[in-house]
Amino acid sequence: MFISDAYAQTAAAAPGGMLGNLTSFLPIILMFVVLYFLMIRPQMKRQKEQKSMMDALAKGDEVVTSGGILGKITKVTDAYITIEVSEGNEIIVQKSAIATLLPKGTIKAL
């Protein structure tokens, strides 16, 4: 008498269907696009420039190593470079240790 009957509700339709699923993933997709353009693409460009610089190294070029040593290239092999740091003093470094290629005449100006 005092207790009313309880009825189950019918299932509601999914809001938006396919469009609702796409909008829920849109922030994640947008985040990956921004990550690509701000981090991955510039890093790939730097790697490409570094590789082309290493391939173009030749005898007589003035370089700076990653350790900060300035010198003139006297010999180039496949994996190593001989650098003259002062008159009569040469060191051998790996090609990957070259950080920057300097314009000609930079070392004499210092």
C-alpha atoms as a PDB file:
ATOM      1  CA  MET A   1       0.000   0.000   0.000  1.00  0.00           C
ATOM      2  CA  PHE A   2       2.565   2.573   1.018  1.00  0.00           C
ATOM      3  CA  ILE A   3       5.379   1.197  -1.175  1.00  0.00           C
ATOM      4  CA  SER A   4       5.312   2.265  -4.816  1.00  0.00           C
ATOM      5  CA  ASP A   5       6.434   0.027  -7.617  1.00  0.00           C
ATOM      6  CA  ALA A   6       9.988   0.521  -9.048  1.00  0.00           C
ATOM      7  CA  TYR A   7      10.419   0.290 -12.781  1.00  0.00           C
ATOM      8  CA  ALA A   8      13.714  -0.089 -14.662  1.00  0.00           C
ATOM      9  CA  GLN A   9      14.697   2.706 -17.027  1.00  0.00           C
ATOM     10  CA  THR A  10      15.235   2.061 -20.686  1.00  0.00           C
ATOM     11  CA  ALA A  11      18.794   2.400 -22.080  1.00  0.00           C
ATOM     12  CA  ALA A  12      19.567   5.861 -23.425  1.00  0.00           C
ATOM     13  CA  ALA A  13      21.020   6.277 -26.906  1.00  0.00           C
ATOM     14  CA  ALA A  14      24.763   6.868 -27.136  1.00  0.00           C
ATOM     15  CA  PRO A  15      25.405  10.612 -27.461  1.00  0.00           C
ATOM     16  CA  GLY A  16      27.000  11.588 -30.745  1.00  0.00           C
ATOM     17  CA  GLY A  17      27.864   8.112 -32.016  1.00  0.00           C
ATOM     18  CA  MET A  18      31.116   8.174 -34.032  1.00  0.00           C
ATOM     19  CA  LEU A  19      31.528  11.915 -33.624  1.00  0.00           C
ATOM     20  CA  GLY A  20      31.544  11.549 -29.831  1.00  0.00           C
ATOM     21  CA  ASN A  21      34.415   9.035 -29.988  1.00  0.00           C
ATOM     22  CA  LEU A  22      36.445  11.301 -32.275  1.00  0.00           C
ATOM     23  CA  THR A  23      36.038  14.344 -30.044  1.00  0.00           C
ATOM     24  CA  SER A  24      37.154  12.343 -27.014  1.00  0.00           C
ATOM     25  CA  PHE A  25      40.440  11.426 -28.781  1.00  0.00           C
ATOM     26  CA  LEU A  26      40.950  14.864 -30.340  1.00  0.00           C
ATOM     27  CA  PRO A  27      43.046  16.294 -27.440  1.00  0.00           C
ATOM     28  CA  ILE A  28      45.394  13.280 -27.548  1.00  0.00           C
ATOM     29  CA  ILE A  29      45.774  13.507 -31.329  1.00  0.00           C
ATOM     30  CA  LEU A  30      46.380  17.252 -31.093  1.00  0.00           C
ATOM     31  CA  MET A  31      49.016  16.690 -28.399  1.00  0.00           C
ATOM     32  CA  PHE A  32      50.956  14.253 -30.649  1.00  0.00           C
ATOM     33  CA  VAL A  33      50.815  16.692 -33.574  1.00  0.00           C
ATOM     34  CA  VAL A  34      52.217  19.503 -31.422  1.00  0.00           C
ATOM     35  CA  LEU A  35      54.891  17.147 -30.025  1.00  0.00           C
ATOM     36  CA  TYR A  36      55.946  16.230 -33.568  1.00  0.00           C
ATOM     37  CA  PHE A  37      56.298  19.824 -34.774  1.00  0.00           C
ATOM     38  CA  LEU A  38      57.969  21.159 -31.613  1.00  0.00           C
ATOM     39  CA  MET A  39      60.340  18.319 -30.729  1.00  0.00           C
ATOM     40  CA  ILE A  40      60.710  15.483 -33.225  1.00  0.00           C
ATOM     41  CA  ARG A  41      60.936  17.417 -36.501  1.00  0.00           C
ATOM     42  CA  PRO A  42      63.570  19.964 -35.333  1.00  0.00           C
ATOM     43  CA  GLN A  43      65.682  17.139 -33.866  1.00  0.00           C
ATOM     44  CA  MET A  44      65.591  15.250 -37.169  1.00  0.00           C
ATOM     45  CA  LYS A  45      66.613  18.437 -38.995  1.00  0.00           C
ATOM     46  CA  ARG A  46      69.577  18.957 -36.640  1.00  0.00           C
ATOM     47  CA  GLN A  47      70.703  15.346 -37.124  1.00  0.00           C
ATOM     48  CA  LYS A  48      70.533  15.736 -40.899  1.00  0.00           C
ATOM     49  CA  GLU A  49      72.597  18.957 -40.783  1.00  0.00           C
ATOM     50  CA  GLN A  50      75.178  17.343 -38.464  1.00  0.00           C
ATOM     51  CA  LYS A  51      75.538  14.337 -40.783  1.00  0.00           C
ATOM     52  CA  SER A  52      75.974  16.510 -43.866  1.00  0.00           C
ATOM     53  CA  MET A  53      78.581  18.620 -42.014  1.00  0.00           C
ATOM     54  CA  MET A  54      80.543  15.491 -41.042  1.00  0.00           C
ATOM     55  CA  ASP A  55      80.457  14.177 -44.606  1.00  0.00           C
ATOM     56  CA  ALA A  56      81.780  17.512 -45.907  1.00  0.00           C
ATOM     57  CA  LEU A  57      84.789  17.724 -43.562  1.00  0.00           C
ATOM     58  CA  ALA A  58      88.069  18.049 -45.457  1.00  0.00           C
ATOM     59  CA  LYS A  59      91.747  18.737 -44.841  1.00  0.00           C
ATOM     60  CA  GLY A  60      92.335  22.387 -43.906  1.00  0.00           C
ATOM     61  CA  ASP A  61      88.907  22.970 -42.310  1.00  0.00           C
ATOM     62  CA  GLU A  62      88.880  24.610 -38.895  1.00  0.00           C
ATOM     63  CA  VAL A  63      86.684  22.887 -36.338  1.00  0.00           C
ATOM     64  CA  VAL A  64      85.624  22.858 -32.692  1.00  0.00           C
ATOM     65  CA  THR A  65      85.263  19.520 -30.929  1.00  0.00           C
ATOM     66  CA  SER A  66      82.505  18.726 -28.462  1.00  0.00           C
ATOM     67  CA  GLY A  67      85.121  19.164 -25.722  1.00  0.00           C
ATOM     68  CA  GLY A  68      85.846  22.718 -26.860  1.00  0.00           C
ATOM     69  CA  ILE A  69      89.189  22.110 -28.580  1.00  0.00           C
ATOM     70  CA  LEU A  70      89.841  24.296 -31.622  1.00  0.00           C
ATOM     71  CA  GLY A  71      92.056  23.055 -34.423  1.00  0.00           C
ATOM     72  CA  LYS A  72      92.714  22.597 -38.111  1.00  0.00           C
ATOM     73  CA  ILE A  73      92.047  19.241 -39.780  1.00  0.00           C
ATOM     74  CA  THR A  74      95.203  17.631 -41.155  1.00  0.00           C
ATOM     75  CA  LYS A  75      93.925  14.143 -41.992  1.00  0.00           C
ATOM     76  CA  VAL A  76      90.461  12.636 -42.542  1.00  0.00           C
ATOM     77  CA  THR A  77      89.628   8.913 -42.480  1.00  0.00           C
ATOM     78  CA  ASP A  78      86.286   7.104 -42.353  1.00  0.00           C
ATOM     79  CA  ALA A  79      85.871   7.226 -38.567  1.00  0.00           C
ATOM     80  CA  TYR A  80      88.675   9.471 -37.279  1.00  0.00           C
ATOM     81  CA  ILE A  81      90.053  12.944 -37.884  1.00  0.00           C
ATOM     82  CA  THR A  82      93.508  14.248 -37.031  1.00  0.00           C
ATOM     83  CA  ILE A  83      93.417  17.827 -35.760  1.00  0.00           C
ATOM     84  CA  GLU A  84      96.388  20.143 -35.342  1.00  0.00           C
ATOM     85  CA  VAL A  85      95.727  22.117 -32.154  1.00  0.00           C
ATOM     86  CA  SER A  86      99.007  24.038 -32.213  1.00  0.00           C
ATOM     87  CA  GLU A  87     102.107  23.913 -34.346  1.00  0.00           C
ATOM     88  CA  GLY A  88     103.503  20.397 -34.105  1.00  0.00           C
ATOM     89  CA  ASN A  89     100.743  19.092 -31.778  1.00  0.00           C
ATOM     90  CA  GLU A  90      98.101  16.865 -33.305  1.00  0.00           C
ATOM     91  CA  ILE A  91      95.271  14.896 -31.740  1.00  0.00           C
ATOM     92  CA  ILE A  92      93.077  12.179 -33.202  1.00  0.00           C
ATOM     93  CA  VAL A  93      89.323  12.361 -32.522  1.00  0.00           C
ATOM     94  CA  GLN A  94      86.275  10.552 -33.786  1.00  0.00           C
ATOM     95  CA  LYS A  95      84.243  12.273 -36.474  1.00  0.00           C
ATOM     96  CA  SER A  96      81.245  12.338 -34.150  1.00  0.00           C
ATOM     97  CA  ALA A  97      83.258  14.509 -31.702  1.00  0.00           C
ATOM     98  CA  ILE A  98      83.221  17.449 -34.131  1.00  0.00           C
ATOM     99  CA  ALA A  99      80.648  19.973 -32.926  1.00  0.00           C
ATOM    100  CA  THR A 100      81.109  22.964 -35.252  1.00  0.00           C
ATOM    101  CA  LEU A 101      82.782  23.799 -38.524  1.00  0.00           C
ATOM    102  CA  LEU A 102      84.344  27.270 -38.282  1.00  0.00           C
ATOM    103  CA  PRO A 103      84.856  29.749 -41.129  1.00  0.00           C
ATOM    104  CA  LYS A 104      88.354  29.749 -42.616  1.00  0.00           C
ATOM    105  CA  GLY A 105      90.810  32.009 -40.780  1.00  0.00           C
ATOM    106  CA  THR A 106      88.946  31.966 -37.461  1.00  0.00           C
ATOM    107  CA  ILE A 107      91.725  30.316 -35.479  1.00  0.00           C
ATOM    108  CA  LYS A 108      94.389  32.795 -36.624  1.00  0.00           C
ATOM    109  CA  ALA A 109      92.120  35.690 -35.589  1.00  0.00           C
ATOM    110  CA  LEU A 110      91.998  34.404 -32.012  1.00  0.00           C
END
